[in-house]
Amino acid sequence: MIWRGVGAALLALCLGACQTVTNEPAPEAAMKPRDKQLLANAPYQKVLPPEIYQRHIVDYAGPQKPGTIVVDTDKKFLYFVENDGKAIRYGVTVGEEGLAFKGEAKVGRKTEWPTWTPTAEIKERIAGVPNFVGPGPHNPMGARALYLYQGNKDTLFRIHGTNQPEYIGQAISSGCIRMLNEDVIDLYNRVPQGTEVVVL
């Protein structure tokens, strides 16, 4: 399940070979009226990540078929593979050392404005974490969540939004892959349940 050796090296080389790069923010049309209302009143500072971690259309030479999600945890990028050798590249926050998921999975479930119930491990590691957080822009899960499954088993890893946009491009999460809320809404609208996900 986990990419090793030559395969991982070749894929990393393909990802690194991306040359044509066009900065293209997530389309506002992807957002529903509720999204616009909640994000307009978000209780966190609205900051853009460094330009390299903003949404771009890039050349893509990897082996994955269109419609696949590829996460490069080393470079802090998530790619949504499109046709004609292109991909949408988003900047992400990834898991800190020892906490990140690596391997292959599928999107087993999708949720708009998810709730958050921290695991026992998270509560043990981070003091003061509540038992439950309801949906909304204050929630660490953000505007959307894609739940990663292997077979019928929930891996407990997610691709989701964030209430800490200032950390996009860093490795500080508890293992999940965080995106700007505007970006995760855009990705959510593009991927059906069952989408293949490869996390390097």
N, C-alpha and C. Protein backbone atom coordinates (compact mmCIF):
# COMPACT_ATOMS: atom_id res chain seq x y z
N MET A 1 0.82 -1.21 0.00
CA MET A 1 0.00 0.00 0.00
C MET A 1 0.86 1.27 0.00
N ILE A 2 2.00 1.23 0.68
CA ILE A 2 2.81 2.45 0.79
C ILE A 2 3.80 2.51 -0.36
N TRP A 3 3.93 3.70 -0.95
CA TRP A 3 4.87 3.90 -2.06
C TRP A 3 6.29 3.78 -1.54
N ARG A 4 7.10 2.96 -2.25
CA ARG A 4 8.48 2.77 -1.82
C ARG A 4 9.42 2.87 -3.01
N GLY A 5 10.70 3.05 -2.71
CA GLY A 5 11.77 2.89 -3.68
C GLY A 5 11.61 3.66 -4.96
N VAL A 6 11.79 2.93 -6.07
CA VAL A 6 11.83 3.56 -7.39
C VAL A 6 10.51 4.24 -7.72
N GLY A 7 9.37 3.59 -7.39
CA GLY A 7 8.07 4.17 -7.70
C GLY A 7 7.89 5.53 -7.08
N ALA A 8 8.22 5.65 -5.80
CA ALA A 8 8.09 6.94 -5.11
C ALA A 8 9.05 7.97 -5.68
N ALA A 9 10.27 7.52 -6.00
CA ALA A 9 11.26 8.46 -6.56
C ALA A 9 10.81 8.98 -7.92
N LEU A 10 10.27 8.09 -8.75
CA LEU A 10 9.80 8.51 -10.07
C LEU A 10 8.63 9.47 -9.97
N LEU A 11 7.71 9.18 -9.04
CA LEU A 11 6.56 10.06 -8.89
C LEU A 11 7.01 11.43 -8.38
N ALA A 12 7.93 11.44 -7.42
CA ALA A 12 8.44 12.72 -6.92
C ALA A 12 9.11 13.51 -8.04
N LEU A 13 9.83 12.80 -8.93
CA LEU A 13 10.49 13.46 -10.05
C LEU A 13 9.44 14.06 -11.00
N CYS A 14 8.37 13.29 -11.25
CA CYS A 14 7.29 13.78 -12.13
C CYS A 14 6.64 15.02 -11.53
N LEU A 15 6.38 14.99 -10.23
CA LEU A 15 5.74 16.14 -9.59
C LEU A 15 6.67 17.34 -9.63
N GLY A 16 7.97 17.08 -9.45
CA GLY A 16 8.93 18.18 -9.47
C GLY A 16 9.14 18.76 -10.86
N ALA A 17 8.71 18.01 -11.89
CA ALA A 17 8.91 18.46 -13.26
C ALA A 17 7.82 19.41 -13.74
N CYS A 18 6.87 19.72 -12.90
CA CYS A 18 5.80 20.65 -13.29
C CYS A 18 6.43 21.99 -13.67
N GLN A 19 6.11 22.49 -14.87
CA GLN A 19 6.76 23.70 -15.34
C GLN A 19 5.80 24.87 -15.52
N THR A 20 4.70 24.66 -16.25
CA THR A 20 3.76 25.75 -16.46
C THR A 20 2.91 25.91 -15.21
N VAL A 21 2.93 27.09 -14.61
CA VAL A 21 2.24 27.34 -13.35
C VAL A 21 1.42 28.62 -13.49
N THR A 22 0.10 28.51 -13.25
CA THR A 22 -0.77 29.66 -13.34
C THR A 22 -1.55 29.82 -12.04
N ASN A 23 -1.35 30.95 -11.37
CA ASN A 23 -2.07 31.21 -10.13
C ASN A 23 -3.54 31.45 -10.47
N GLU A 24 -4.42 30.65 -9.86
CA GLU A 24 -5.85 30.73 -10.17
C GLU A 24 -6.65 30.46 -8.91
N PRO A 25 -7.11 31.49 -8.20
CA PRO A 25 -7.88 31.29 -6.97
C PRO A 25 -9.13 30.44 -7.22
N ALA A 26 -9.59 29.77 -6.17
CA ALA A 26 -10.81 28.96 -6.28
C ALA A 26 -11.97 29.83 -6.72
N PRO A 27 -12.78 29.35 -7.67
CA PRO A 27 -13.90 30.16 -8.15
C PRO A 27 -14.94 30.38 -7.07
N GLU A 28 -15.39 31.63 -6.95
CA GLU A 28 -16.39 31.94 -5.93
C GLU A 28 -17.71 31.23 -6.20
N ALA A 29 -17.94 30.87 -7.46
CA ALA A 29 -19.18 30.17 -7.83
C ALA A 29 -19.28 28.80 -7.16
N ALA A 30 -18.15 28.26 -6.67
CA ALA A 30 -18.17 26.97 -5.99
C ALA A 30 -18.86 27.05 -4.64
N MET A 31 -18.96 28.27 -4.08
CA MET A 31 -19.52 28.44 -2.74
C MET A 31 -21.02 28.63 -2.76
N LYS A 32 -21.69 28.00 -1.82
CA LYS A 32 -23.13 28.16 -1.65
C LYS A 32 -23.39 29.42 -0.80
N PRO A 33 -24.61 29.92 -0.80
CA PRO A 33 -24.92 31.10 0.03
C PRO A 33 -24.54 30.90 1.50
N ARG A 34 -24.76 29.68 2.03
CA ARG A 34 -24.39 29.42 3.43
C ARG A 34 -22.88 29.53 3.62
N ASP A 35 -22.11 29.03 2.66
CA ASP A 35 -20.65 29.14 2.75
C ASP A 35 -20.22 30.60 2.82
N LYS A 36 -20.77 31.41 1.92
CA LYS A 36 -20.41 32.83 1.87
C LYS A 36 -20.76 33.52 3.18
N GLN A 37 -21.92 33.19 3.72
CA GLN A 37 -22.35 33.82 4.98
C GLN A 37 -21.44 33.43 6.13
N LEU A 38 -21.16 32.13 6.25
CA LEU A 38 -20.33 31.67 7.38
C LEU A 38 -18.89 32.17 7.25
N LEU A 39 -18.34 32.13 6.04
CA LEU A 39 -16.95 32.56 5.87
C LEU A 39 -16.80 34.08 5.99
N ALA A 40 -17.86 34.82 5.69
CA ALA A 40 -17.80 36.28 5.85
C ALA A 40 -17.67 36.66 7.32
N ASN A 41 -18.14 35.79 8.21
CA ASN A 41 -18.09 36.05 9.65
C ASN A 41 -17.15 35.10 10.39
N ALA A 42 -16.15 34.61 9.67
CA ALA A 42 -15.21 33.67 10.29
C ALA A 42 -14.46 34.31 11.45
N PRO A 43 -14.33 33.59 12.57
CA PRO A 43 -13.68 34.16 13.76
C PRO A 43 -12.16 34.02 13.76
N TYR A 44 -11.56 33.86 12.60
CA TYR A 44 -10.10 33.78 12.52
C TYR A 44 -9.62 34.83 11.52
N GLN A 45 -8.34 35.16 11.63
CA GLN A 45 -7.76 36.16 10.73
C GLN A 45 -7.68 35.59 9.32
N LYS A 46 -8.20 36.34 8.36
CA LYS A 46 -8.17 35.88 6.97
C LYS A 46 -6.83 36.27 6.36
N VAL A 47 -6.00 35.26 6.17
CA VAL A 47 -4.68 35.49 5.58
C VAL A 47 -4.49 34.53 4.42
N LEU A 48 -3.79 34.98 3.40
CA LEU A 48 -3.42 34.11 2.30
C LEU A 48 -2.07 33.48 2.62
N PRO A 49 -1.89 32.22 2.25
CA PRO A 49 -0.56 31.62 2.43
C PRO A 49 0.41 32.22 1.44
N PRO A 50 1.70 31.93 1.57
CA PRO A 50 2.67 32.39 0.56
C PRO A 50 2.19 32.00 -0.83
N GLU A 51 2.56 32.80 -1.82
CA GLU A 51 2.04 32.63 -3.18
C GLU A 51 2.20 31.21 -3.71
N ILE A 52 3.29 30.54 -3.39
CA ILE A 52 3.52 29.19 -3.89
C ILE A 52 2.45 28.21 -3.39
N TYR A 53 1.85 28.49 -2.23
CA TYR A 53 0.84 27.59 -1.67
C TYR A 53 -0.59 28.00 -2.01
N GLN A 54 -0.73 29.02 -2.82
CA GLN A 54 -2.05 29.38 -3.29
C GLN A 54 -2.43 28.47 -4.47
N ARG A 55 -3.71 28.42 -4.79
CA ARG A 55 -4.22 27.51 -5.81
C ARG A 55 -3.64 27.86 -7.18
N HIS A 56 -3.09 26.84 -7.86
CA HIS A 56 -2.49 27.02 -9.18
C HIS A 56 -2.96 25.91 -10.13
N ILE A 57 -2.95 26.21 -11.42
CA ILE A 57 -3.08 25.19 -12.46
C ILE A 57 -1.67 24.90 -12.94
N VAL A 58 -1.28 23.62 -12.93
CA VAL A 58 0.10 23.27 -13.25
C VAL A 58 0.15 22.12 -14.26
N ASP A 59 1.29 21.99 -14.94
CA ASP A 59 1.55 20.80 -15.74
C ASP A 59 1.74 19.63 -14.79
N TYR A 60 1.27 18.45 -15.21
CA TYR A 60 1.36 17.28 -14.34
C TYR A 60 1.77 16.07 -15.16
N ALA A 61 2.89 15.44 -14.79
CA ALA A 61 3.42 14.31 -15.56
C ALA A 61 3.38 13.01 -14.78
N GLY A 62 2.64 12.97 -13.68
CA GLY A 62 2.56 11.75 -12.87
C GLY A 62 1.74 10.67 -13.55
N PRO A 63 1.79 9.44 -13.02
CA PRO A 63 1.10 8.30 -13.65
C PRO A 63 -0.38 8.19 -13.30
N GLN A 64 -0.88 9.01 -12.36
CA GLN A 64 -2.26 8.86 -11.92
C GLN A 64 -3.25 9.32 -12.99
N LYS A 65 -4.39 8.66 -13.02
CA LYS A 65 -5.42 9.02 -14.00
C LYS A 65 -6.16 10.27 -13.55
N PRO A 66 -6.77 10.99 -14.51
CA PRO A 66 -7.57 12.16 -14.14
C PRO A 66 -8.64 11.80 -13.11
N GLY A 67 -8.86 12.73 -12.18
CA GLY A 67 -9.82 12.50 -11.11
C GLY A 67 -9.20 11.99 -9.82
N THR A 68 -7.89 11.71 -9.85
CA THR A 68 -7.18 11.22 -8.65
C THR A 68 -6.67 12.40 -7.83
N ILE A 69 -6.68 12.25 -6.51
CA ILE A 69 -6.05 13.20 -5.60
C ILE A 69 -4.68 12.65 -5.22
N VAL A 70 -3.66 13.48 -5.36
CA VAL A 70 -2.30 13.10 -4.97
C VAL A 70 -1.80 14.14 -3.97
N VAL A 71 -1.33 13.69 -2.82
CA VAL A 71 -0.80 14.59 -1.79
C VAL A 71 0.70 14.35 -1.64
N ASP A 72 1.47 15.40 -1.88
CA ASP A 72 2.92 15.37 -1.68
C ASP A 72 3.19 16.01 -0.32
N THR A 73 3.33 15.17 0.70
CA THR A 73 3.47 15.70 2.07
C THR A 73 4.79 16.44 2.27
N ASP A 74 5.84 16.04 1.55
CA ASP A 74 7.13 16.73 1.69
C ASP A 74 7.04 18.18 1.20
N LYS A 75 6.37 18.37 0.06
CA LYS A 75 6.29 19.72 -0.52
C LYS A 75 5.05 20.49 -0.05
N LYS A 76 4.15 19.81 0.67
CA LYS A 76 2.92 20.43 1.19
C LYS A 76 1.98 20.88 0.06
N PHE A 77 1.83 19.99 -0.93
CA PHE A 77 0.92 20.24 -2.05
C PHE A 77 -0.08 19.10 -2.17
N LEU A 78 -1.30 19.45 -2.56
CA LEU A 78 -2.30 18.48 -2.97
C LEU A 78 -2.62 18.75 -4.43
N TYR A 79 -2.58 17.70 -5.24
CA TYR A 79 -2.88 17.80 -6.66
C TYR A 79 -4.22 17.11 -6.97
N PHE A 80 -5.07 17.77 -7.72
CA PHE A 80 -6.24 17.10 -8.30
C PHE A 80 -5.92 16.95 -9.79
N VAL A 81 -5.73 15.69 -10.20
CA VAL A 81 -5.27 15.41 -11.56
C VAL A 81 -6.42 15.63 -12.55
N GLU A 82 -6.13 16.41 -13.59
CA GLU A 82 -7.11 16.68 -14.64
C GLU A 82 -6.65 16.07 -15.96
N ASN A 83 -7.41 16.30 -17.01
CA ASN A 83 -7.05 15.81 -18.33
C ASN A 83 -5.93 16.65 -18.95
N ASP A 84 -5.37 16.14 -20.04
CA ASP A 84 -4.41 16.89 -20.86
C ASP A 84 -3.14 17.28 -20.11
N GLY A 85 -2.70 16.42 -19.18
CA GLY A 85 -1.44 16.67 -18.49
C GLY A 85 -1.46 17.86 -17.55
N LYS A 86 -2.63 18.19 -17.01
CA LYS A 86 -2.76 19.31 -16.08
C LYS A 86 -3.25 18.82 -14.72
N ALA A 87 -3.05 19.65 -13.72
CA ALA A 87 -3.58 19.38 -12.38
C ALA A 87 -3.85 20.71 -11.69
N ILE A 88 -4.80 20.68 -10.77
CA ILE A 88 -4.99 21.81 -9.87
C ILE A 88 -4.12 21.53 -8.65
N ARG A 89 -3.26 22.46 -8.30
CA ARG A 89 -2.36 22.28 -7.15
C ARG A 89 -2.78 23.23 -6.04
N TYR A 90 -3.02 22.66 -4.87
CA TYR A 90 -3.39 23.44 -3.70
C TYR A 90 -2.30 23.31 -2.64
N GLY A 91 -2.04 24.37 -1.89
CA GLY A 91 -1.17 24.27 -0.73
C GLY A 91 -1.95 23.67 0.43
N VAL A 92 -1.27 22.86 1.26
CA VAL A 92 -1.93 22.20 2.38
C VAL A 92 -1.05 22.23 3.63
N THR A 93 -1.69 22.01 4.76
CA THR A 93 -1.00 21.71 6.01
C THR A 93 -1.04 20.20 6.17
N VAL A 94 0.08 19.59 6.55
CA VAL A 94 0.13 18.13 6.68
C VAL A 94 0.49 17.76 8.11
N GLY A 95 0.46 16.44 8.38
CA GLY A 95 0.74 15.96 9.72
C GLY A 95 2.19 16.15 10.11
N GLU A 96 2.39 16.46 11.37
CA GLU A 96 3.76 16.59 11.87
C GLU A 96 4.42 15.23 11.90
N GLU A 97 5.73 15.22 12.11
CA GLU A 97 6.53 13.99 12.06
C GLU A 97 5.89 12.86 12.85
N GLY A 98 5.72 11.71 12.20
CA GLY A 98 5.19 10.54 12.88
C GLY A 98 3.68 10.46 12.92
N LEU A 99 2.99 11.50 12.47
CA LEU A 99 1.52 11.49 12.56
C LEU A 99 0.85 11.43 11.18
N ALA A 100 1.61 11.64 10.13
CA ALA A 100 1.00 11.75 8.80
C ALA A 100 0.64 10.38 8.23
N PHE A 101 -0.49 10.32 7.55
CA PHE A 101 -0.90 9.14 6.80
C PHE A 101 -0.10 9.08 5.50
N LYS A 102 0.32 7.88 5.11
CA LYS A 102 0.96 7.69 3.81
C LYS A 102 0.41 6.41 3.21
N GLY A 103 0.11 6.44 1.94
CA GLY A 103 -0.40 5.25 1.28
C GLY A 103 -1.53 5.60 0.34
N GLU A 104 -2.36 4.60 0.04
CA GLU A 104 -3.47 4.76 -0.87
C GLU A 104 -4.78 4.60 -0.12
N ALA A 105 -5.77 5.38 -0.50
CA ALA A 105 -7.08 5.32 0.13
C ALA A 105 -8.11 5.77 -0.88
N LYS A 106 -9.36 5.79 -0.45
CA LYS A 106 -10.44 6.33 -1.28
C LYS A 106 -11.28 7.26 -0.41
N VAL A 107 -11.95 8.19 -1.07
CA VAL A 107 -12.88 9.06 -0.35
C VAL A 107 -14.10 8.20 -0.02
N GLY A 108 -14.23 7.86 1.26
CA GLY A 108 -15.33 6.98 1.68
C GLY A 108 -16.58 7.73 2.09
N ARG A 109 -16.40 9.01 2.41
CA ARG A 109 -17.54 9.83 2.84
C ARG A 109 -17.20 11.29 2.64
N LYS A 110 -18.21 12.12 2.42
CA LYS A 110 -18.04 13.56 2.24
C LYS A 110 -19.05 14.29 3.12
N THR A 111 -18.60 15.40 3.73
CA THR A 111 -19.50 16.16 4.60
C THR A 111 -19.28 17.65 4.41
N GLU A 112 -20.38 18.40 4.33
CA GLU A 112 -20.32 19.86 4.32
C GLU A 112 -20.42 20.36 5.76
N TRP A 113 -19.57 21.30 6.13
CA TRP A 113 -19.52 21.87 7.47
C TRP A 113 -19.62 20.78 8.54
N PRO A 114 -18.58 19.93 8.61
CA PRO A 114 -18.61 18.80 9.54
C PRO A 114 -18.49 19.22 11.00
N THR A 115 -18.91 18.33 11.86
CA THR A 115 -18.65 18.46 13.30
C THR A 115 -17.27 17.85 13.57
N TRP A 116 -16.76 18.05 14.77
CA TRP A 116 -15.47 17.47 15.14
C TRP A 116 -15.56 16.86 16.52
N THR A 117 -15.24 15.57 16.61
CA THR A 117 -15.13 14.86 17.88
C THR A 117 -13.69 14.38 18.00
N PRO A 118 -12.86 15.05 18.79
CA PRO A 118 -11.44 14.66 18.88
C PRO A 118 -11.27 13.24 19.39
N THR A 119 -10.28 12.54 18.85
CA THR A 119 -9.98 11.19 19.33
C THR A 119 -9.32 11.28 20.71
N ALA A 120 -9.29 10.15 21.41
CA ALA A 120 -8.65 10.10 22.73
C ALA A 120 -7.17 10.47 22.62
N GLU A 121 -6.53 10.06 21.52
CA GLU A 121 -5.11 10.35 21.32
C GLU A 121 -4.88 11.85 21.19
N ILE A 122 -5.75 12.54 20.46
CA ILE A 122 -5.61 13.99 20.30
C ILE A 122 -5.82 14.68 21.64
N LYS A 123 -6.83 14.24 22.39
CA LYS A 123 -7.11 14.86 23.70
C LYS A 123 -5.97 14.64 24.68
N GLU A 124 -5.30 13.51 24.55
CA GLU A 124 -4.16 13.23 25.44
C GLU A 124 -2.96 14.09 25.06
N ARG A 125 -2.81 14.34 23.76
CA ARG A 125 -1.64 15.07 23.27
C ARG A 125 -1.79 16.57 23.37
N ILE A 126 -3.04 17.07 23.24
CA ILE A 126 -3.27 18.51 23.24
C ILE A 126 -4.21 18.87 24.39
N ALA A 127 -3.70 19.60 25.35
CA ALA A 127 -4.50 19.96 26.53
C ALA A 127 -5.63 20.91 26.17
N GLY A 128 -6.76 20.76 26.84
CA GLY A 128 -7.86 21.71 26.70
C GLY A 128 -8.74 21.51 25.50
N VAL A 129 -8.57 20.40 24.77
CA VAL A 129 -9.41 20.15 23.59
C VAL A 129 -10.81 19.75 24.05
N PRO A 130 -11.86 20.37 23.48
CA PRO A 130 -13.22 20.01 23.89
C PRO A 130 -13.61 18.61 23.40
N ASN A 131 -14.69 18.08 23.96
CA ASN A 131 -15.15 16.76 23.55
C ASN A 131 -15.84 16.79 22.19
N PHE A 132 -16.39 17.95 21.83
CA PHE A 132 -17.16 18.04 20.60
C PHE A 132 -17.20 19.50 20.15
N VAL A 133 -17.10 19.72 18.83
CA VAL A 133 -17.22 21.05 18.27
C VAL A 133 -18.25 20.99 17.14
N GLY A 134 -19.26 21.84 17.21
CA GLY A 134 -20.31 21.87 16.19
C GLY A 134 -19.81 22.48 14.90
N PRO A 135 -20.62 22.41 13.84
CA PRO A 135 -20.20 22.92 12.54
C PRO A 135 -20.11 24.43 12.52
N GLY A 136 -19.24 24.94 11.66
CA GLY A 136 -19.09 26.39 11.52
C GLY A 136 -17.65 26.77 11.28
N PRO A 137 -17.38 28.03 10.98
CA PRO A 137 -16.02 28.47 10.67
C PRO A 137 -15.07 28.42 11.87
N HIS A 138 -15.60 28.29 13.08
CA HIS A 138 -14.76 28.15 14.27
C HIS A 138 -14.22 26.72 14.40
N ASN A 139 -14.82 25.78 13.66
CA ASN A 139 -14.47 24.37 13.78
C ASN A 139 -13.15 24.09 13.06
N PRO A 140 -12.22 23.34 13.69
CA PRO A 140 -10.94 23.03 13.04
C PRO A 140 -11.08 22.23 11.75
N MET A 141 -12.25 21.60 11.53
CA MET A 141 -12.48 20.81 10.31
C MET A 141 -12.86 21.70 9.13
N GLY A 142 -13.25 22.94 9.42
CA GLY A 142 -13.55 23.87 8.34
C GLY A 142 -14.84 23.57 7.60
N ALA A 143 -14.86 23.98 6.32
CA ALA A 143 -16.09 24.00 5.53
C ALA A 143 -16.46 22.65 4.92
N ARG A 144 -15.51 21.78 4.71
CA ARG A 144 -15.77 20.49 4.08
C ARG A 144 -14.80 19.45 4.63
N ALA A 145 -15.22 18.18 4.56
CA ALA A 145 -14.33 17.09 4.95
C ALA A 145 -14.51 15.92 3.99
N LEU A 146 -13.38 15.37 3.56
CA LEU A 146 -13.33 14.14 2.78
C LEU A 146 -12.70 13.08 3.68
N TYR A 147 -13.43 12.01 3.96
CA TYR A 147 -13.01 10.98 4.90
C TYR A 147 -12.30 9.87 4.13
N LEU A 148 -11.07 9.56 4.52
CA LEU A 148 -10.26 8.59 3.79
C LEU A 148 -10.46 7.18 4.34
N TYR A 149 -10.82 6.28 3.44
CA TYR A 149 -11.08 4.88 3.79
C TYR A 149 -10.12 3.97 3.04
N GLN A 150 -9.79 2.85 3.67
CA GLN A 150 -9.09 1.75 3.00
C GLN A 150 -10.03 0.56 3.07
N GLY A 151 -10.55 0.13 1.93
CA GLY A 151 -11.62 -0.86 1.95
C GLY A 151 -12.85 -0.24 2.61
N ASN A 152 -13.41 -0.95 3.58
CA ASN A 152 -14.56 -0.42 4.33
C ASN A 152 -14.15 0.23 5.64
N LYS A 153 -12.85 0.37 5.87
CA LYS A 153 -12.36 0.86 7.15
C LYS A 153 -11.99 2.33 7.07
N ASP A 154 -12.53 3.11 7.99
CA ASP A 154 -12.19 4.53 8.11
C ASP A 154 -10.78 4.62 8.69
N THR A 155 -9.88 5.30 7.95
CA THR A 155 -8.50 5.44 8.43
C THR A 155 -8.39 6.46 9.56
N LEU A 156 -9.45 7.25 9.79
CA LEU A 156 -9.48 8.37 10.74
C LEU A 156 -8.67 9.57 10.24
N PHE A 157 -8.17 9.50 9.01
CA PHE A 157 -7.50 10.64 8.39
C PHE A 157 -8.48 11.33 7.45
N ARG A 158 -8.35 12.64 7.34
CA ARG A 158 -9.27 13.44 6.56
C ARG A 158 -8.51 14.45 5.71
N ILE A 159 -9.14 14.85 4.62
CA ILE A 159 -8.77 16.08 3.92
C ILE A 159 -9.88 17.05 4.27
N HIS A 160 -9.53 18.18 4.89
CA HIS A 160 -10.59 19.07 5.36
C HIS A 160 -10.13 20.52 5.36
N GLY A 161 -11.06 21.41 5.65
CA GLY A 161 -10.75 22.83 5.73
C GLY A 161 -10.00 23.15 7.01
N THR A 162 -9.89 24.44 7.31
CA THR A 162 -9.14 24.83 8.51
C THR A 162 -9.63 26.17 9.04
N ASN A 163 -9.44 26.37 10.32
CA ASN A 163 -9.66 27.70 10.92
C ASN A 163 -8.31 28.34 11.26
N GLN A 164 -7.24 27.79 10.68
CA GLN A 164 -5.88 28.33 10.87
C GLN A 164 -5.18 28.44 9.51
N PRO A 165 -5.65 29.34 8.64
CA PRO A 165 -5.06 29.44 7.30
C PRO A 165 -3.60 29.85 7.30
N GLU A 166 -3.15 30.43 8.39
CA GLU A 166 -1.75 30.88 8.46
C GLU A 166 -0.76 29.70 8.47
N TYR A 167 -1.25 28.48 8.70
CA TYR A 167 -0.35 27.33 8.76
C TYR A 167 -0.30 26.52 7.46
N ILE A 168 -0.98 26.98 6.42
CA ILE A 168 -0.88 26.29 5.13
C ILE A 168 0.58 26.31 4.67
N GLY A 169 1.08 25.15 4.24
CA GLY A 169 2.49 25.02 3.84
C GLY A 169 3.39 24.52 4.95
N GLN A 170 2.79 24.14 6.10
CA GLN A 170 3.58 23.65 7.23
C GLN A 170 3.15 22.23 7.60
N ALA A 171 3.94 21.60 8.47
CA ALA A 171 3.64 20.25 8.96
C ALA A 171 3.39 20.33 10.45
N ILE A 172 2.15 20.64 10.81
CA ILE A 172 1.84 20.80 12.24
C ILE A 172 0.55 20.12 12.66
N SER A 173 -0.16 19.48 11.73
CA SER A 173 -1.47 18.94 12.09
C SER A 173 -1.32 17.60 12.81
N SER A 174 -2.44 17.09 13.28
CA SER A 174 -2.43 15.79 13.96
C SER A 174 -2.50 14.64 12.96
N GLY A 175 -2.21 14.90 11.72
CA GLY A 175 -2.17 13.86 10.71
C GLY A 175 -3.05 14.14 9.52
N CYS A 176 -4.11 14.92 9.71
CA CYS A 176 -5.01 15.21 8.61
C CYS A 176 -4.39 16.23 7.65
N ILE A 177 -5.00 16.35 6.49
CA ILE A 177 -4.53 17.26 5.45
C ILE A 177 -5.49 18.45 5.43
N ARG A 178 -5.00 19.62 5.81
CA ARG A 178 -5.84 20.82 5.91
C ARG A 178 -5.67 21.70 4.68
N MET A 179 -6.77 22.31 4.26
CA MET A 179 -6.76 23.22 3.11
C MET A 179 -7.47 24.51 3.49
N LEU A 180 -7.19 25.57 2.74
CA LEU A 180 -8.02 26.77 2.89
C LEU A 180 -9.47 26.38 2.66
N ASN A 181 -10.39 26.99 3.39
CA ASN A 181 -11.80 26.64 3.24
C ASN A 181 -12.28 26.84 1.80
N GLU A 182 -11.86 27.92 1.16
CA GLU A 182 -12.26 28.16 -0.23
C GLU A 182 -11.73 27.05 -1.15
N ASP A 183 -10.52 26.56 -0.86
CA ASP A 183 -9.93 25.50 -1.68
C ASP A 183 -10.61 24.15 -1.44
N VAL A 184 -10.91 23.83 -0.18
CA VAL A 184 -11.53 22.53 0.08
C VAL A 184 -12.96 22.48 -0.46
N ILE A 185 -13.64 23.63 -0.50
CA ILE A 185 -14.97 23.68 -1.13
C ILE A 185 -14.83 23.38 -2.62
N ASP A 186 -13.83 23.98 -3.26
CA ASP A 186 -13.58 23.75 -4.68
C ASP A 186 -13.27 22.28 -4.94
N LEU A 187 -12.37 21.69 -4.15
CA LEU A 187 -12.02 20.28 -4.32
C LEU A 187 -13.22 19.37 -4.08
N TYR A 188 -13.96 19.65 -3.02
CA TYR A 188 -15.14 18.85 -2.64
C TYR A 188 -16.12 18.75 -3.81
N ASN A 189 -16.31 19.86 -4.51
CA ASN A 189 -17.25 19.88 -5.63
C ASN A 189 -16.74 19.09 -6.83
N ARG A 190 -15.46 18.80 -6.86
CA ARG A 190 -14.87 18.11 -8.01
C ARG A 190 -14.77 16.60 -7.83
N VAL A 191 -14.83 16.12 -6.58
CA VAL A 191 -14.54 14.69 -6.34
C VAL A 191 -15.77 13.95 -5.80
N PRO A 192 -16.16 12.87 -6.44
CA PRO A 192 -17.24 12.05 -5.92
C PRO A 192 -16.73 11.09 -4.85
N GLN A 193 -17.66 10.52 -4.11
CA GLN A 193 -17.30 9.44 -3.20
C GLN A 193 -16.65 8.32 -4.02
N GLY A 194 -15.61 7.70 -3.48
CA GLY A 194 -14.88 6.66 -4.21
C GLY A 194 -13.65 7.15 -4.92
N THR A 195 -13.42 8.49 -4.93
CA THR A 195 -12.22 9.04 -5.57
C THR A 195 -10.95 8.43 -4.96
N GLU A 196 -10.01 8.09 -5.81
CA GLU A 196 -8.74 7.54 -5.35
C GLU A 196 -7.84 8.64 -4.80
N VAL A 197 -7.17 8.33 -3.68
CA VAL A 197 -6.28 9.28 -3.02
C VAL A 197 -4.93 8.60 -2.80
N VAL A 198 -3.85 9.25 -3.22
CA VAL A 198 -2.51 8.75 -3.00
C VAL A 198 -1.77 9.78 -2.15
N VAL A 199 -1.29 9.35 -0.99
CA VAL A 199 -0.57 10.26 -0.10
C VAL A 199 0.87 9.76 0.00
N LEU A 200 1.78 10.63 -0.45
CA LEU A 200 3.21 10.26 -0.46
C LEU A 200 3.86 10.59 0.88
